[in-house]
């Protein structure tokens, strides 16, 4: 199904970092590196952030491992809080979103299976010079860019 996974070590300094809607996304393992099997992204969600708009992935499953903080997830008709150490699965075809209602940054790992959607962040996001760079706030132009690119990546955004 996928080409054989080749060994690699991804240094944090080599990881590409993007700002999307005021969130920081660090691509730790792209589909290019994993033979298309998966992509792994470190995400940082600012305090009191409404999160991404509700959306549905039609090509990949999205998995979240909460490293720090607490997020409120809505997956289908279910709403649940997920604190550090929680693992959350949003299967393809199911509408979902999350928000950070806490006063601190939430950090999480996002696993996409199969890979491919990580390119969305590269297309719509603003490349940041490093992991500690400040993320610009979301703009109307960025939202339009996301809505325009979404169909190419099998993403349905529910506004």
N, C-alpha and C. Protein backbone atom coordinates (compact mmCIF):
# COMPACT_ATOMS: atom_id res chain seq x y z
N UNK A 1 0.82 -1.18 0.00
CA UNK A 1 0.00 0.00 0.00
C UNK A 1 0.87 1.26 0.00
N UNK A 2 1.80 1.38 0.95
CA UNK A 2 2.72 2.51 1.01
C UNK A 2 4.12 1.98 0.76
N UNK A 3 5.00 2.82 0.19
CA UNK A 3 6.40 2.39 0.08
C UNK A 3 6.95 2.11 1.47
N UNK A 4 7.98 1.29 1.54
CA UNK A 4 8.58 0.95 2.83
C UNK A 4 9.06 2.21 3.54
N UNK A 5 8.82 2.26 4.83
CA UNK A 5 9.28 3.37 5.65
C UNK A 5 10.79 3.30 5.78
N UNK A 6 11.45 4.39 5.48
CA UNK A 6 12.91 4.46 5.59
C UNK A 6 13.26 5.10 6.93
N UNK A 7 14.38 4.68 7.54
CA UNK A 7 14.76 5.29 8.81
C UNK A 7 15.12 6.76 8.62
N UNK A 8 14.76 7.58 9.60
CA UNK A 8 15.17 8.99 9.57
C UNK A 8 15.12 9.55 10.98
N UNK A 9 15.86 10.60 11.20
CA UNK A 9 15.82 11.35 12.45
C UNK A 9 15.52 12.79 12.08
N UNK A 10 14.46 13.33 12.64
CA UNK A 10 14.06 14.71 12.35
C UNK A 10 14.53 15.60 13.50
N UNK A 11 15.46 16.47 13.23
CA UNK A 11 15.93 17.42 14.23
C UNK A 11 14.89 18.53 14.38
N UNK A 12 14.65 19.01 15.61
CA UNK A 12 13.69 20.11 15.79
C UNK A 12 14.06 21.35 14.98
N UNK A 13 15.35 21.59 14.79
CA UNK A 13 15.76 22.77 14.03
C UNK A 13 15.43 22.64 12.55
N UNK A 14 15.31 21.42 12.06
CA UNK A 14 15.01 21.19 10.65
C UNK A 14 13.52 21.14 10.36
N UNK A 15 12.70 21.04 11.40
CA UNK A 15 11.26 20.94 11.21
C UNK A 15 10.70 22.27 10.72
N UNK A 16 9.85 22.21 9.70
CA UNK A 16 9.21 23.42 9.17
C UNK A 16 8.07 23.84 10.09
N UNK A 17 7.99 25.16 10.35
CA UNK A 17 6.99 25.70 11.25
C UNK A 17 6.09 26.67 10.49
N UNK A 18 4.78 26.52 10.69
CA UNK A 18 3.79 27.37 10.00
C UNK A 18 2.79 27.94 10.99
N UNK A 19 2.33 29.15 10.70
CA UNK A 19 1.24 29.77 11.46
C UNK A 19 -0.03 29.68 10.61
N UNK A 20 -1.07 29.15 11.21
CA UNK A 20 -2.37 29.06 10.55
C UNK A 20 -3.43 29.46 11.58
N UNK A 21 -4.20 30.50 11.27
CA UNK A 21 -5.26 31.00 12.15
C UNK A 21 -4.76 31.30 13.56
N UNK A 22 -3.51 31.76 13.66
CA UNK A 22 -2.95 32.10 14.96
C UNK A 22 -2.39 30.92 15.73
N UNK A 23 -2.44 29.72 15.14
CA UNK A 23 -1.91 28.51 15.78
C UNK A 23 -0.54 28.20 15.15
N UNK A 24 0.34 27.57 15.92
CA UNK A 24 1.66 27.17 15.41
C UNK A 24 1.63 25.67 15.11
N UNK A 25 2.07 25.30 13.90
CA UNK A 25 2.14 23.90 13.48
C UNK A 25 3.57 23.59 13.06
N UNK A 26 4.18 22.62 13.72
CA UNK A 26 5.55 22.21 13.43
C UNK A 26 5.48 20.81 12.82
N UNK A 27 5.89 20.69 11.57
CA UNK A 27 5.79 19.41 10.88
C UNK A 27 6.99 18.54 11.24
N UNK A 28 6.74 17.56 12.10
CA UNK A 28 7.80 16.69 12.60
C UNK A 28 8.12 15.56 11.63
N UNK A 29 7.09 15.02 10.97
CA UNK A 29 7.28 13.95 10.00
C UNK A 29 6.24 14.14 8.90
N UNK A 30 6.71 14.38 7.70
CA UNK A 30 5.80 14.57 6.56
C UNK A 30 5.62 13.24 5.83
N UNK A 31 4.61 13.21 4.98
CA UNK A 31 4.38 12.03 4.16
C UNK A 31 5.56 11.72 3.26
N UNK A 32 6.27 12.76 2.89
CA UNK A 32 7.49 12.58 2.08
C UNK A 32 8.50 11.71 2.82
N UNK A 33 8.57 11.88 4.13
CA UNK A 33 9.51 11.12 4.97
C UNK A 33 8.98 9.74 5.35
N UNK A 34 7.65 9.58 5.36
CA UNK A 34 7.06 8.34 5.87
C UNK A 34 6.49 7.46 4.77
N UNK A 35 6.83 7.75 3.53
CA UNK A 35 6.30 6.96 2.43
C UNK A 35 4.79 7.13 2.27
N UNK A 36 4.25 8.24 2.79
CA UNK A 36 2.82 8.50 2.67
C UNK A 36 1.97 7.85 3.75
N UNK A 37 2.60 7.09 4.64
CA UNK A 37 1.84 6.36 5.67
C UNK A 37 1.19 7.30 6.68
N UNK A 38 1.92 8.32 7.13
CA UNK A 38 1.39 9.22 8.14
C UNK A 38 2.16 10.53 8.11
N UNK A 39 1.60 11.52 8.78
CA UNK A 39 2.29 12.78 9.05
C UNK A 39 2.10 13.06 10.53
N UNK A 40 3.13 13.63 11.16
CA UNK A 40 3.07 13.96 12.58
C UNK A 40 3.39 15.43 12.75
N UNK A 41 2.50 16.13 13.43
CA UNK A 41 2.62 17.58 13.59
C UNK A 41 2.50 17.94 15.06
N UNK A 42 3.37 18.83 15.52
CA UNK A 42 3.26 19.39 16.87
C UNK A 42 2.48 20.69 16.73
N UNK A 43 1.38 20.82 17.47
CA UNK A 43 0.53 22.01 17.37
C UNK A 43 0.51 22.74 18.70
N UNK A 44 0.44 24.07 18.61
CA UNK A 44 0.32 24.91 19.79
C UNK A 44 -0.88 25.83 19.59
N UNK A 45 -1.82 25.76 20.52
CA UNK A 45 -3.07 26.52 20.44
C UNK A 45 -3.06 27.56 21.56
N UNK A 46 -3.16 28.83 21.21
CA UNK A 46 -3.10 29.89 22.23
C UNK A 46 -4.21 29.80 23.27
N UNK A 47 -4.00 30.43 24.42
CA UNK A 47 -5.04 30.46 25.45
C UNK A 47 -6.32 31.14 24.95
N UNK A 48 -7.45 30.66 25.44
CA UNK A 48 -8.76 31.25 25.12
C UNK A 48 -8.99 31.35 23.62
N UNK A 49 -8.59 30.31 22.89
CA UNK A 49 -8.70 30.31 21.43
C UNK A 49 -9.87 29.44 21.01
N UNK A 50 -10.68 29.94 20.07
CA UNK A 50 -11.86 29.22 19.60
C UNK A 50 -11.52 28.00 18.75
N UNK A 51 -10.25 27.85 18.35
CA UNK A 51 -9.84 26.69 17.56
C UNK A 51 -10.22 26.83 16.10
N UNK A 52 -9.99 25.78 15.33
CA UNK A 52 -10.33 25.83 13.91
C UNK A 52 -11.85 25.77 13.74
N UNK A 53 -12.35 26.26 12.61
CA UNK A 53 -13.79 26.12 12.39
C UNK A 53 -14.14 24.63 12.28
N UNK A 54 -15.36 24.26 12.61
CA UNK A 54 -15.75 22.87 12.43
C UNK A 54 -15.46 22.45 10.99
N UNK A 55 -14.93 21.23 10.85
CA UNK A 55 -14.53 20.76 9.53
C UNK A 55 -14.58 19.24 9.46
N UNK A 56 -14.56 18.73 8.24
CA UNK A 56 -14.58 17.29 7.99
C UNK A 56 -13.46 16.96 7.02
N UNK A 57 -12.63 15.98 7.41
CA UNK A 57 -11.60 15.46 6.50
C UNK A 57 -12.22 14.28 5.75
N UNK A 58 -12.06 14.26 4.44
CA UNK A 58 -12.63 13.16 3.65
C UNK A 58 -11.57 12.16 3.20
N UNK A 59 -10.29 12.43 3.48
CA UNK A 59 -9.22 11.54 3.03
C UNK A 59 -8.41 10.91 4.15
N UNK A 60 -8.42 11.51 5.33
CA UNK A 60 -7.55 11.00 6.38
C UNK A 60 -8.26 11.03 7.73
N UNK A 61 -7.76 10.19 8.62
CA UNK A 61 -8.18 10.20 10.01
C UNK A 61 -7.22 11.13 10.75
N UNK A 62 -7.76 11.81 11.76
CA UNK A 62 -6.94 12.75 12.53
C UNK A 62 -6.94 12.29 13.99
N UNK A 63 -5.73 12.16 14.53
CA UNK A 63 -5.56 11.69 15.91
C UNK A 63 -4.82 12.78 16.69
N UNK A 64 -5.22 12.97 17.93
CA UNK A 64 -4.63 14.03 18.76
C UNK A 64 -4.14 13.43 20.07
N UNK A 65 -2.92 13.74 20.45
CA UNK A 65 -2.40 13.38 21.77
C UNK A 65 -2.08 14.68 22.49
N UNK A 66 -2.74 14.94 23.60
CA UNK A 66 -2.58 16.20 24.32
C UNK A 66 -1.34 16.11 25.20
N UNK A 67 -0.39 17.00 24.92
CA UNK A 67 0.86 17.05 25.68
C UNK A 67 0.74 17.96 26.89
N UNK A 68 0.06 19.10 26.71
CA UNK A 68 -0.05 20.08 27.79
C UNK A 68 -1.35 20.86 27.62
N UNK A 69 -1.99 21.15 28.71
CA UNK A 69 -3.22 21.92 28.66
C UNK A 69 -4.45 21.05 28.59
N UNK A 70 -5.55 21.67 28.22
CA UNK A 70 -6.83 20.98 28.12
C UNK A 70 -7.60 21.59 26.96
N UNK A 71 -8.15 20.75 26.11
CA UNK A 71 -8.94 21.19 24.96
C UNK A 71 -10.33 20.59 25.05
N UNK A 72 -11.31 21.33 24.55
CA UNK A 72 -12.68 20.80 24.44
C UNK A 72 -12.88 20.39 22.98
N UNK A 73 -13.12 19.12 22.75
CA UNK A 73 -13.33 18.59 21.40
C UNK A 73 -14.81 18.38 21.15
N UNK A 74 -15.23 18.65 19.92
CA UNK A 74 -16.55 18.29 19.45
C UNK A 74 -16.30 17.38 18.24
N UNK A 75 -16.73 16.13 18.37
CA UNK A 75 -16.56 15.15 17.28
C UNK A 75 -17.93 14.55 17.02
N UNK A 76 -18.46 14.83 15.84
CA UNK A 76 -19.84 14.43 15.57
C UNK A 76 -20.75 15.16 16.53
N UNK A 77 -21.55 14.44 17.27
CA UNK A 77 -22.47 15.06 18.23
C UNK A 77 -21.94 15.00 19.66
N UNK A 78 -20.73 14.49 19.83
CA UNK A 78 -20.16 14.33 21.17
C UNK A 78 -19.19 15.46 21.50
N UNK A 79 -19.31 16.00 22.71
CA UNK A 79 -18.39 17.04 23.21
C UNK A 79 -17.70 16.49 24.44
N UNK A 80 -16.38 16.59 24.46
CA UNK A 80 -15.61 16.09 25.59
C UNK A 80 -14.38 16.93 25.82
N UNK A 81 -13.97 17.06 27.07
CA UNK A 81 -12.71 17.72 27.39
C UNK A 81 -11.60 16.68 27.37
N UNK A 82 -10.44 17.10 26.89
CA UNK A 82 -9.29 16.22 26.83
C UNK A 82 -8.10 16.95 27.45
N UNK A 83 -7.61 16.41 28.56
CA UNK A 83 -6.48 17.01 29.27
C UNK A 83 -5.19 16.30 28.85
N UNK A 84 -4.07 16.83 29.32
CA UNK A 84 -2.76 16.23 29.02
C UNK A 84 -2.80 14.73 29.27
N UNK A 85 -2.27 13.97 28.31
CA UNK A 85 -2.27 12.52 28.39
C UNK A 85 -3.43 11.87 27.65
N UNK A 86 -4.41 12.67 27.23
CA UNK A 86 -5.58 12.13 26.51
C UNK A 86 -5.24 11.89 25.04
N UNK A 87 -5.89 10.90 24.47
CA UNK A 87 -5.76 10.58 23.05
C UNK A 87 -7.15 10.68 22.45
N UNK A 88 -7.28 11.43 21.37
CA UNK A 88 -8.57 11.69 20.74
C UNK A 88 -8.49 11.29 19.27
N UNK A 89 -9.53 10.63 18.78
CA UNK A 89 -9.57 10.21 17.38
C UNK A 89 -10.76 10.86 16.69
N UNK A 90 -10.48 11.51 15.55
CA UNK A 90 -11.53 12.09 14.71
C UNK A 90 -11.45 11.37 13.36
N UNK A 91 -12.26 10.33 13.17
CA UNK A 91 -12.21 9.56 11.92
C UNK A 91 -12.62 10.41 10.72
N UNK A 92 -12.08 10.06 9.56
CA UNK A 92 -12.47 10.75 8.33
C UNK A 92 -13.98 10.66 8.17
N UNK A 93 -14.53 11.72 7.58
CA UNK A 93 -15.97 11.74 7.35
C UNK A 93 -16.79 12.24 8.53
N UNK A 94 -16.14 12.52 9.66
CA UNK A 94 -16.86 12.98 10.86
C UNK A 94 -16.48 14.44 11.12
N UNK A 95 -17.48 15.29 11.23
CA UNK A 95 -17.27 16.71 11.52
C UNK A 95 -16.67 16.86 12.92
N UNK A 96 -15.67 17.74 13.04
CA UNK A 96 -15.03 17.94 14.34
C UNK A 96 -14.37 19.31 14.46
N UNK A 97 -14.06 19.67 15.69
CA UNK A 97 -13.31 20.88 16.01
C UNK A 97 -12.84 20.75 17.45
N UNK A 98 -12.09 21.74 17.89
CA UNK A 98 -11.66 21.81 19.29
C UNK A 98 -11.45 23.27 19.65
N UNK A 99 -11.40 23.55 20.96
CA UNK A 99 -11.09 24.91 21.42
C UNK A 99 -10.29 24.82 22.70
N UNK A 100 -9.53 25.87 22.94
CA UNK A 100 -8.74 25.97 24.16
C UNK A 100 -9.40 27.03 25.04
N UNK A 101 -10.10 26.60 26.07
CA UNK A 101 -10.79 27.53 26.97
C UNK A 101 -9.91 27.92 28.16
N UNK A 102 -8.72 27.35 28.24
CA UNK A 102 -7.83 27.60 29.38
C UNK A 102 -7.04 28.90 29.21
N UNK A 103 -6.37 29.28 30.26
CA UNK A 103 -5.55 30.50 30.26
C UNK A 103 -4.10 30.23 29.87
N UNK A 104 -3.80 29.04 29.39
CA UNK A 104 -2.44 28.71 28.98
C UNK A 104 -2.45 28.05 27.61
N UNK A 105 -1.29 28.05 26.98
CA UNK A 105 -1.14 27.43 25.66
C UNK A 105 -1.35 25.92 25.78
N UNK A 106 -2.08 25.35 24.82
CA UNK A 106 -2.23 23.90 24.75
C UNK A 106 -1.25 23.38 23.70
N UNK A 107 -0.60 22.29 24.02
CA UNK A 107 0.33 21.66 23.07
C UNK A 107 -0.14 20.23 22.81
N UNK A 108 -0.12 19.85 21.55
CA UNK A 108 -0.59 18.52 21.20
C UNK A 108 0.14 18.00 19.98
N UNK A 109 0.15 16.68 19.85
CA UNK A 109 0.64 16.03 18.65
C UNK A 109 -0.56 15.66 17.81
N UNK A 110 -0.47 15.91 16.51
CA UNK A 110 -1.54 15.58 15.58
C UNK A 110 -0.97 14.55 14.61
N UNK A 111 -1.59 13.38 14.57
CA UNK A 111 -1.18 12.30 13.67
C UNK A 111 -2.23 12.20 12.57
N UNK A 112 -1.80 12.32 11.34
CA UNK A 112 -2.70 12.23 10.18
C UNK A 112 -2.40 10.93 9.44
N UNK A 113 -3.44 10.10 9.23
CA UNK A 113 -3.25 8.84 8.51
C UNK A 113 -4.30 8.70 7.42
N UNK A 114 -3.91 8.50 6.18
CA UNK A 114 -2.54 8.58 5.68
C UNK A 114 -2.07 10.03 5.62
N UNK A 115 -0.83 10.20 5.21
CA UNK A 115 -0.25 11.54 5.09
C UNK A 115 -0.85 12.28 3.90
N UNK A 116 -0.53 13.54 3.80
CA UNK A 116 -0.96 14.37 2.68
C UNK A 116 -1.53 15.69 3.14
N UNK A 117 -2.30 15.66 4.22
CA UNK A 117 -2.94 16.89 4.68
C UNK A 117 -1.94 17.87 5.28
N UNK A 118 -0.77 17.40 5.68
CA UNK A 118 0.24 18.33 6.21
C UNK A 118 0.61 19.39 5.18
N UNK A 119 0.46 19.05 3.90
CA UNK A 119 0.74 20.03 2.83
C UNK A 119 -0.24 21.20 2.88
N UNK A 120 -1.43 20.98 3.41
CA UNK A 120 -2.41 22.06 3.57
C UNK A 120 -1.82 23.20 4.40
N UNK A 121 -1.15 22.85 5.50
CA UNK A 121 -0.54 23.87 6.36
C UNK A 121 0.54 24.64 5.60
N UNK A 122 1.25 23.94 4.73
CA UNK A 122 2.30 24.57 3.93
C UNK A 122 1.71 25.54 2.90
N UNK A 123 0.55 25.18 2.36
CA UNK A 123 -0.09 25.99 1.33
C UNK A 123 -0.79 27.22 1.92
N UNK A 124 -1.54 27.02 2.99
CA UNK A 124 -2.33 28.14 3.53
C UNK A 124 -1.62 28.91 4.63
N UNK A 125 -0.62 28.30 5.26
CA UNK A 125 0.04 28.91 6.40
C UNK A 125 1.15 29.88 6.02
N UNK A 126 1.55 30.62 7.01
CA UNK A 126 2.70 31.51 6.86
C UNK A 126 3.91 30.80 7.46
N UNK A 127 4.94 30.59 6.65
CA UNK A 127 6.15 29.92 7.13
C UNK A 127 6.83 30.82 8.16
N UNK A 128 7.14 30.24 9.31
CA UNK A 128 7.80 30.98 10.37
C UNK A 128 9.28 30.60 10.38
N UNK A 129 10.15 31.55 10.74
CA UNK A 129 11.58 31.27 10.71
C UNK A 129 12.04 30.28 11.78
N UNK A 130 11.24 30.05 12.80
CA UNK A 130 11.63 29.11 13.84
C UNK A 130 10.48 28.76 14.75
N UNK A 131 10.72 27.80 15.61
CA UNK A 131 9.69 27.29 16.51
C UNK A 131 9.20 28.32 17.51
N UNK A 132 10.03 29.28 17.83
CA UNK A 132 9.68 30.26 18.86
C UNK A 132 9.15 31.56 18.27
N UNK A 133 9.04 31.64 16.95
CA UNK A 133 8.54 32.87 16.30
C UNK A 133 7.09 33.13 16.70
N UNK A 134 6.75 34.39 16.77
CA UNK A 134 5.39 34.79 17.12
C UNK A 134 4.45 34.51 15.94
N UNK A 135 3.30 33.93 16.26
CA UNK A 135 2.29 33.67 15.23
C UNK A 135 1.45 34.93 15.02
N UNK A 136 1.27 35.33 13.77
CA UNK A 136 0.38 36.47 13.53
C UNK A 136 -1.07 36.05 13.76
N UNK A 137 -1.93 36.99 14.10
CA UNK A 137 -3.35 36.66 14.28
C UNK A 137 -4.00 36.30 12.94
N UNK A 138 -5.11 35.61 13.02
CA UNK A 138 -5.87 35.23 11.82
C UNK A 138 -6.38 36.48 11.11
N UNK A 139 -6.45 36.40 9.78
CA UNK A 139 -6.98 37.51 8.99
C UNK A 139 -8.07 36.99 8.06
N UNK A 140 -8.88 37.91 7.54
CA UNK A 140 -9.90 37.54 6.55
C UNK A 140 -9.26 36.94 5.31
N UNK A 141 -8.14 37.49 4.89
CA UNK A 141 -7.44 36.97 3.70
C UNK A 141 -7.01 35.52 3.93
N UNK A 142 -6.56 35.21 5.14
CA UNK A 142 -6.15 33.84 5.46
C UNK A 142 -7.35 32.89 5.42
N UNK A 143 -8.48 33.34 5.95
CA UNK A 143 -9.69 32.51 5.93
C UNK A 143 -10.11 32.24 4.48
N UNK A 144 -10.07 33.26 3.63
CA UNK A 144 -10.40 33.07 2.20
C UNK A 144 -9.44 32.07 1.55
N UNK A 145 -8.16 32.17 1.88
CA UNK A 145 -7.16 31.24 1.34
C UNK A 145 -7.47 29.80 1.77
N UNK A 146 -7.87 29.64 3.02
CA UNK A 146 -8.21 28.31 3.54
C UNK A 146 -9.43 27.75 2.81
N UNK A 147 -10.46 28.58 2.65
CA UNK A 147 -11.68 28.12 1.98
C UNK A 147 -11.42 27.77 0.52
N UNK A 148 -10.52 28.50 -0.12
CA UNK A 148 -10.18 28.23 -1.52
C UNK A 148 -9.39 26.92 -1.65
N UNK A 149 -8.46 26.67 -0.72
CA UNK A 149 -7.59 25.49 -0.80
C UNK A 149 -8.27 24.22 -0.28
N UNK A 150 -9.26 24.35 0.58
CA UNK A 150 -9.87 23.21 1.26
C UNK A 150 -10.28 22.06 0.32
N UNK A 151 -11.02 22.32 -0.78
CA UNK A 151 -11.46 21.20 -1.63
C UNK A 151 -10.29 20.39 -2.21
N UNK A 152 -9.20 21.06 -2.52
CA UNK A 152 -8.01 20.37 -3.08
C UNK A 152 -7.48 19.33 -2.10
N UNK A 153 -7.70 19.54 -0.79
CA UNK A 153 -7.19 18.64 0.22
C UNK A 153 -8.27 17.77 0.85
N UNK A 154 -9.43 17.69 0.21
CA UNK A 154 -10.50 16.85 0.72
C UNK A 154 -11.04 17.34 2.05
N UNK A 155 -10.99 18.66 2.26
CA UNK A 155 -11.45 19.26 3.50
C UNK A 155 -12.74 20.02 3.26
N UNK A 156 -13.71 19.78 4.11
CA UNK A 156 -14.97 20.51 4.06
C UNK A 156 -15.03 21.38 5.31
N UNK A 157 -15.09 22.69 5.14
CA UNK A 157 -15.14 23.62 6.26
C UNK A 157 -16.59 24.03 6.47
N UNK A 158 -17.07 23.92 7.70
CA UNK A 158 -18.46 24.22 8.04
C UNK A 158 -18.50 25.56 8.78
N UNK A 159 -18.87 26.62 8.06
CA UNK A 159 -18.94 27.95 8.70
C UNK A 159 -20.36 28.27 9.14
